[in-house]
C-alpha atoms as a PDB file:
ATOM      1  CA  UNK A   1      25.675  57.445  28.468  1.00  0.00           C
ATOM      2  CA  UNK A   2      25.470  54.475  26.165  1.00  0.00           C
ATOM      3  CA  UNK A   3      23.642  55.307  22.919  1.00  0.00           C
ATOM      4  CA  UNK A   4      23.396  51.662  21.779  1.00  0.00           C
ATOM      5  CA  UNK A   5      19.671  50.675  21.766  1.00  0.00           C
ATOM      6  CA  UNK A   6      20.486  46.910  21.851  1.00  0.00           C
ATOM      7  CA  UNK A   7      21.205  45.069  25.104  1.00  0.00           C
ATOM      8  CA  UNK A   8      24.584  43.551  25.788  1.00  0.00           C
ATOM      9  CA  UNK A   9      25.011  40.695  23.233  1.00  0.00           C
ATOM     10  CA  UNK A  10      27.018  38.610  25.661  1.00  0.00           C
ATOM     11  CA  UNK A  11      23.907  38.283  27.849  1.00  0.00           C
ATOM     12  CA  UNK A  12      21.354  38.171  25.012  1.00  0.00           C
ATOM     13  CA  UNK A  13      22.636  34.996  23.269  1.00  0.00           C
ATOM     14  CA  UNK A  14      22.713  32.765  26.384  1.00  0.00           C
ATOM     15  CA  UNK A  15      19.268  34.059  27.340  1.00  0.00           C
ATOM     16  CA  UNK A  16      17.841  33.132  23.922  1.00  0.00           C
ATOM     17  CA  UNK A  17      19.434  29.695  24.123  1.00  0.00           C
ATOM     18  CA  UNK A  18      17.818  29.066  27.518  1.00  0.00           C
ATOM     19  CA  UNK A  19      14.405  30.109  26.166  1.00  0.00           C
ATOM     20  CA  UNK A  20      14.871  27.808  23.138  1.00  0.00           C
ATOM     21  CA  UNK A  21      15.846  24.907  25.401  1.00  0.00           C
ATOM     22  CA  UNK A  22      12.717  25.387  27.537  1.00  0.00           C
ATOM     23  CA  UNK A  23      10.556  25.540  24.393  1.00  0.00           C
ATOM     24  CA  UNK A  24      12.007  22.265  23.106  1.00  0.00           C
ATOM     25  CA  UNK A  25      11.504  20.527  26.444  1.00  0.00           C
ATOM     26  CA  UNK A  26       7.973  21.870  26.797  1.00  0.00           C
ATOM     27  CA  UNK A  27       6.755  20.082  23.657  1.00  0.00           C
ATOM     28  CA  UNK A  28       5.797  16.560  24.713  1.00  0.00           C
ATOM     29  CA  UNK A  29       7.149  13.687  22.685  1.00  0.00           C
ATOM     30  CA  UNK A  30       3.628  12.296  22.479  1.00  0.00           C
ATOM     31  CA  UNK A  31       2.709  15.238  20.259  1.00  0.00           C
ATOM     32  CA  UNK A  32       4.144  13.333  17.301  1.00  0.00           C
ATOM     33  CA  UNK A  33       1.502  12.416  14.729  1.00  0.00           C
ATOM     34  CA  UNK A  34       0.051   8.969  15.263  1.00  0.00           C
ATOM     35  CA  UNK A  35       0.296   6.478  12.443  1.00  0.00           C
ATOM     36  CA  UNK A  36      -3.154   5.558  11.187  1.00  0.00           C
ATOM     37  CA  UNK A  37      -4.097   2.949   8.639  1.00  0.00           C
ATOM     38  CA  UNK A  38      -4.006   4.165   5.080  1.00  0.00           C
ATOM     39  CA  UNK A  39      -7.379   5.611   4.090  1.00  0.00           C
ATOM     40  CA  UNK A  40      -6.992   3.790   0.780  1.00  0.00           C
ATOM     41  CA  UNK A  41      -6.105   0.363   2.156  1.00  0.00           C
ATOM     42  CA  UNK A  42      -6.971  -0.779   5.668  1.00  0.00           C
ATOM     43  CA  UNK A  43      -5.685  -4.289   6.349  1.00  0.00           C
ATOM     44  CA  UNK A  44      -8.253  -4.692   9.149  1.00  0.00           C
ATOM     45  CA  UNK A  45     -10.987  -4.541   6.479  1.00  0.00           C
ATOM     46  CA  UNK A  46      -9.504  -7.373   4.396  1.00  0.00           C
ATOM     47  CA  UNK A  47     -11.672 -10.196   3.147  1.00  0.00           C
ATOM     48  CA  UNK A  48     -10.967 -13.236   0.986  1.00  0.00           C
ATOM     49  CA  UNK A  49     -13.174 -14.012  -2.006  1.00  0.00           C
ATOM     50  CA  UNK A  50     -13.172 -17.229  -4.013  1.00  0.00           C
ATOM     51  CA  UNK A  51     -14.286 -17.584  -7.584  1.00  0.00           C
ATOM     52  CA  UNK A  52     -13.455 -18.452 -11.156  1.00  0.00           C
ATOM     53  CA  UNK A  53     -11.478 -16.187 -13.475  1.00  0.00           C
ATOM     54  CA  UNK A  54     -13.750 -14.564 -16.083  1.00  0.00           C
ATOM     55  CA  UNK A  55     -11.070 -12.460 -17.764  1.00  0.00           C
ATOM     56  CA  UNK A  56      -7.724 -10.785 -17.250  1.00  0.00           C
ATOM     57  CA  UNK A  57      -7.514  -7.128 -18.297  1.00  0.00           C
ATOM     58  CA  UNK A  58      -3.965  -5.920 -18.987  1.00  0.00           C
ATOM     59  CA  UNK A  59      -4.934  -2.252 -19.522  1.00  0.00           C
ATOM     60  CA  UNK A  60      -7.757  -0.574 -17.634  1.00  0.00           C
ATOM     61  CA  UNK A  61     -10.592   0.836 -19.706  1.00  0.00           C
ATOM     62  CA  UNK A  62     -12.390   4.125 -19.044  1.00  0.00           C
ATOM     63  CA  UNK A  63     -13.883   4.270 -15.553  1.00  0.00           C
ATOM     64  CA  UNK A  64     -11.511   1.683 -14.096  1.00  0.00           C
ATOM     65  CA  UNK A  65      -8.627   2.236 -11.691  1.00  0.00           C
ATOM     66  CA  UNK A  66      -5.348   2.480 -13.622  1.00  0.00           C
ATOM     67  CA  UNK A  67      -3.466  -0.789 -14.028  1.00  0.00           C
ATOM     68  CA  UNK A  68      -4.363  -4.379 -14.737  1.00  0.00           C
ATOM     69  CA  UNK A  69      -7.515  -6.078 -13.463  1.00  0.00           C
ATOM     70  CA  UNK A  70      -8.724  -9.570 -12.746  1.00  0.00           C
ATOM     71  CA  UNK A  71     -12.435 -10.190 -13.246  1.00  0.00           C
ATOM     72  CA  UNK A  72     -13.658 -13.257 -11.430  1.00  0.00           C
ATOM     73  CA  UNK A  73     -17.093 -14.765 -10.809  1.00  0.00           C
ATOM     74  CA  UNK A  74     -18.158 -15.428  -7.217  1.00  0.00           C
ATOM     75  CA  UNK A  75     -21.420 -16.795  -5.824  1.00  0.00           C
ATOM     76  CA  UNK A  76     -22.736 -13.218  -5.560  1.00  0.00           C
ATOM     77  CA  UNK A  77     -21.580 -11.940  -8.959  1.00  0.00           C
ATOM     78  CA  UNK A  78     -18.551 -10.776 -10.923  1.00  0.00           C
ATOM     79  CA  UNK A  79     -15.850  -8.947  -8.960  1.00  0.00           C
ATOM     80  CA  UNK A  80     -13.392  -6.471 -10.497  1.00  0.00           C
ATOM     81  CA  UNK A  81     -10.072  -6.935  -8.682  1.00  0.00           C
ATOM     82  CA  UNK A  82      -7.476  -4.218  -9.243  1.00  0.00           C
ATOM     83  CA  UNK A  83      -4.002  -5.715  -9.675  1.00  0.00           C
ATOM     84  CA  UNK A  84      -2.249  -2.377  -9.949  1.00  0.00           C
ATOM     85  CA  UNK A  85       0.448  -1.353 -12.359  1.00  0.00           C
ATOM     86  CA  UNK A  86       2.711  -4.393 -11.858  1.00  0.00           C
ATOM     87  CA  UNK A  87       0.295  -7.259 -11.174  1.00  0.00           C
ATOM     88  CA  UNK A  88       0.883  -8.792 -14.592  1.00  0.00           C
ATOM     89  CA  UNK A  89       4.445  -7.494 -15.205  1.00  0.00           C
ATOM     90  CA  UNK A  90       7.878  -9.015 -14.673  1.00  0.00           C
ATOM     91  CA  UNK A  91       9.118 -12.187 -13.012  1.00  0.00           C
ATOM     92  CA  UNK A  92       6.699 -13.668 -10.512  1.00  0.00           C
ATOM     93  CA  UNK A  93       3.742 -11.854 -12.072  1.00  0.00           C
ATOM     94  CA  UNK A  94       0.255 -13.274 -11.750  1.00  0.00           C
ATOM     95  CA  UNK A  95      -0.382 -15.982 -14.340  1.00  0.00           C
ATOM     96  CA  UNK A  96      -4.035 -17.050 -14.597  1.00  0.00           C
ATOM     97  CA  UNK A  97      -6.420 -17.978 -17.413  1.00  0.00           C
ATOM     98  CA  UNK A  98     -10.211 -17.776 -17.738  1.00  0.00           C
ATOM     99  CA  UNK A  99     -11.935 -20.693 -16.029  1.00  0.00           C
ATOM    100  CA  UNK A 100      -9.208 -21.079 -13.398  1.00  0.00           C
ATOM    101  CA  UNK A 101     -10.269 -21.019  -9.729  1.00  0.00           C
ATOM    102  CA  UNK A 102      -8.764 -18.204  -7.626  1.00  0.00           C
ATOM    103  CA  UNK A 103      -8.817 -16.968  -4.059  1.00  0.00           C
ATOM    104  CA  UNK A 104      -8.268 -13.194  -3.800  1.00  0.00           C
ATOM    105  CA  UNK A 105      -7.564 -11.353  -0.547  1.00  0.00           C
ATOM    106  CA  UNK A 106      -8.034  -7.591  -0.398  1.00  0.00           C
ATOM    107  CA  UNK A 107     -10.306  -4.680   0.454  1.00  0.00           C
ATOM    108  CA  UNK A 108     -13.521  -3.676  -1.327  1.00  0.00           C
ATOM    109  CA  UNK A 109     -13.694   0.030  -2.226  1.00  0.00           C
ATOM    110  CA  UNK A 110     -16.449   2.158  -3.734  1.00  0.00           C
ATOM    111  CA  UNK A 111     -15.310   4.661  -6.356  1.00  0.00           C
ATOM    112  CA  UNK A 112     -16.755   8.166  -6.814  1.00  0.00           C
ATOM    113  CA  UNK A 113     -19.155   6.980  -9.494  1.00  0.00           C
ATOM    114  CA  UNK A 114     -20.524   4.282  -7.198  1.00  0.00           C
ATOM    115  CA  UNK A 115     -18.679   1.419  -8.883  1.00  0.00           C
ATOM    116  CA  UNK A 116     -17.058  -1.119  -6.603  1.00  0.00           C
ATOM    117  CA  UNK A 117     -13.524  -2.411  -7.059  1.00  0.00           C
ATOM    118  CA  UNK A 118     -11.692  -5.006  -5.021  1.00  0.00           C
ATOM    119  CA  UNK A 119      -8.158  -3.845  -4.206  1.00  0.00           C
ATOM    120  CA  UNK A 120      -6.273  -7.147  -4.368  1.00  0.00           C
ATOM    121  CA  UNK A 121      -3.356  -7.758  -2.015  1.00  0.00           C
ATOM    122  CA  UNK A 122      -2.793 -11.455  -2.736  1.00  0.00           C
ATOM    123  CA  UNK A 123      -4.094 -13.887  -5.326  1.00  0.00           C
ATOM    124  CA  UNK A 124      -3.931 -17.639  -4.779  1.00  0.00           C
ATOM    125  CA  UNK A 125      -4.102 -19.634  -8.000  1.00  0.00           C
ATOM    126  CA  UNK A 126      -2.724 -22.971  -9.107  1.00  0.00           C
ATOM    127  CA  UNK A 127      -1.287 -23.720  -5.670  1.00  0.00           C
ATOM    128  CA  UNK A 128       0.759 -20.515  -5.653  1.00  0.00           C
ATOM    129  CA  UNK A 129       0.252 -17.241  -3.778  1.00  0.00           C
ATOM    130  CA  UNK A 130       1.005 -14.069  -5.759  1.00  0.00           C
ATOM    131  CA  UNK A 131       1.674 -10.926  -3.730  1.00  0.00           C
ATOM    132  CA  UNK A 132       0.164  -7.929  -5.517  1.00  0.00           C
ATOM    133  CA  UNK A 133       0.392  -5.321  -2.735  1.00  0.00           C
ATOM    134  CA  UNK A 134       1.954  -5.133   0.693  1.00  0.00           C
ATOM    135  CA  UNK A 135      -0.085  -4.826   3.910  1.00  0.00           C
ATOM    136  CA  UNK A 136      -0.272  -1.047   3.394  1.00  0.00           C
ATOM    137  CA  UNK A 137      -1.826  -1.398  -0.075  1.00  0.00           C
ATOM    138  CA  UNK A 138       1.328  -0.353  -1.936  1.00  0.00           C
ATOM    139  CA  UNK A 139       1.811  -2.321  -5.173  1.00  0.00           C
ATOM    140  CA  UNK A 140       4.769  -4.717  -5.156  1.00  0.00           C
ATOM    141  CA  UNK A 141       7.087  -4.046  -8.104  1.00  0.00           C
ATOM    142  CA  UNK A 142       8.705  -6.809 -10.183  1.00  0.00           C
ATOM    143  CA  UNK A 143      12.060  -5.856  -8.628  1.00  0.00           C
ATOM    144  CA  UNK A 144      10.651  -6.292  -5.110  1.00  0.00           C
ATOM    145  CA  UNK A 145       9.207  -9.686  -6.083  1.00  0.00           C
ATOM    146  CA  UNK A 146      12.606 -10.687  -7.467  1.00  0.00           C
ATOM    147  CA  UNK A 147      14.374  -9.685  -4.238  1.00  0.00           C
ATOM    148  CA  UNK A 148      11.785 -11.556  -2.160  1.00  0.00           C
ATOM    149  CA  UNK A 149      12.201 -14.719  -4.230  1.00  0.00           C
ATOM    150  CA  UNK A 150      16.007 -14.475  -3.914  1.00  0.00           C
ATOM    151  CA  UNK A 151      15.718 -14.149  -0.130  1.00  0.00           C
ATOM    152  CA  UNK A 152      13.329 -17.104   0.006  1.00  0.00           C
ATOM    153  CA  UNK A 153      15.733 -19.182  -2.113  1.00  0.00           C
ATOM    154  CA  UNK A 154      18.618 -18.314   0.219  1.00  0.00           C
ATOM    155  CA  UNK A 155      16.554 -19.444   3.191  1.00  0.00           C
ATOM    156  CA  UNK A 156      15.628 -22.656   1.352  1.00  0.00           C
ATOM    157  CA  UNK A 157      11.968 -21.730   1.005  1.00  0.00           C
ATOM    158  CA  UNK A 158       9.703 -20.532  -1.737  1.00  0.00           C
ATOM    159  CA  UNK A 159       7.054 -17.858  -2.146  1.00  0.00           C
END
């Protein structure tokens, strides 16, 4: 009589492999998580506002989103546009002065305290378009702007 409580390992391993294979095949590929728009920045909610630069804030003050800000006057009032950490930094950074007309594209958000901030994706000023964030709301770094301008130069275009 065999006193070994475990079944024959030569049959056990192939049996486990077959069960694992069936488990893998049973999970549908459509069970992968769907990609949804970022809850922070939804490009389908984008609007474009036109106005005149009131001031440029290099460092956010208390109660503001971290990073630089562009305050500009529209027909309905002053808008606080968040430029993020790199909006005013490096080559290709936004260069505007008070009194200059601008066209800012982005998404309006309401903060926890009820304050509204416009999350800027692009700023058009002085005949130039400055890319502040990509279509997912991620700030564009000075290095990314540099690479984009190099690619545009190679193609014979400009930003």
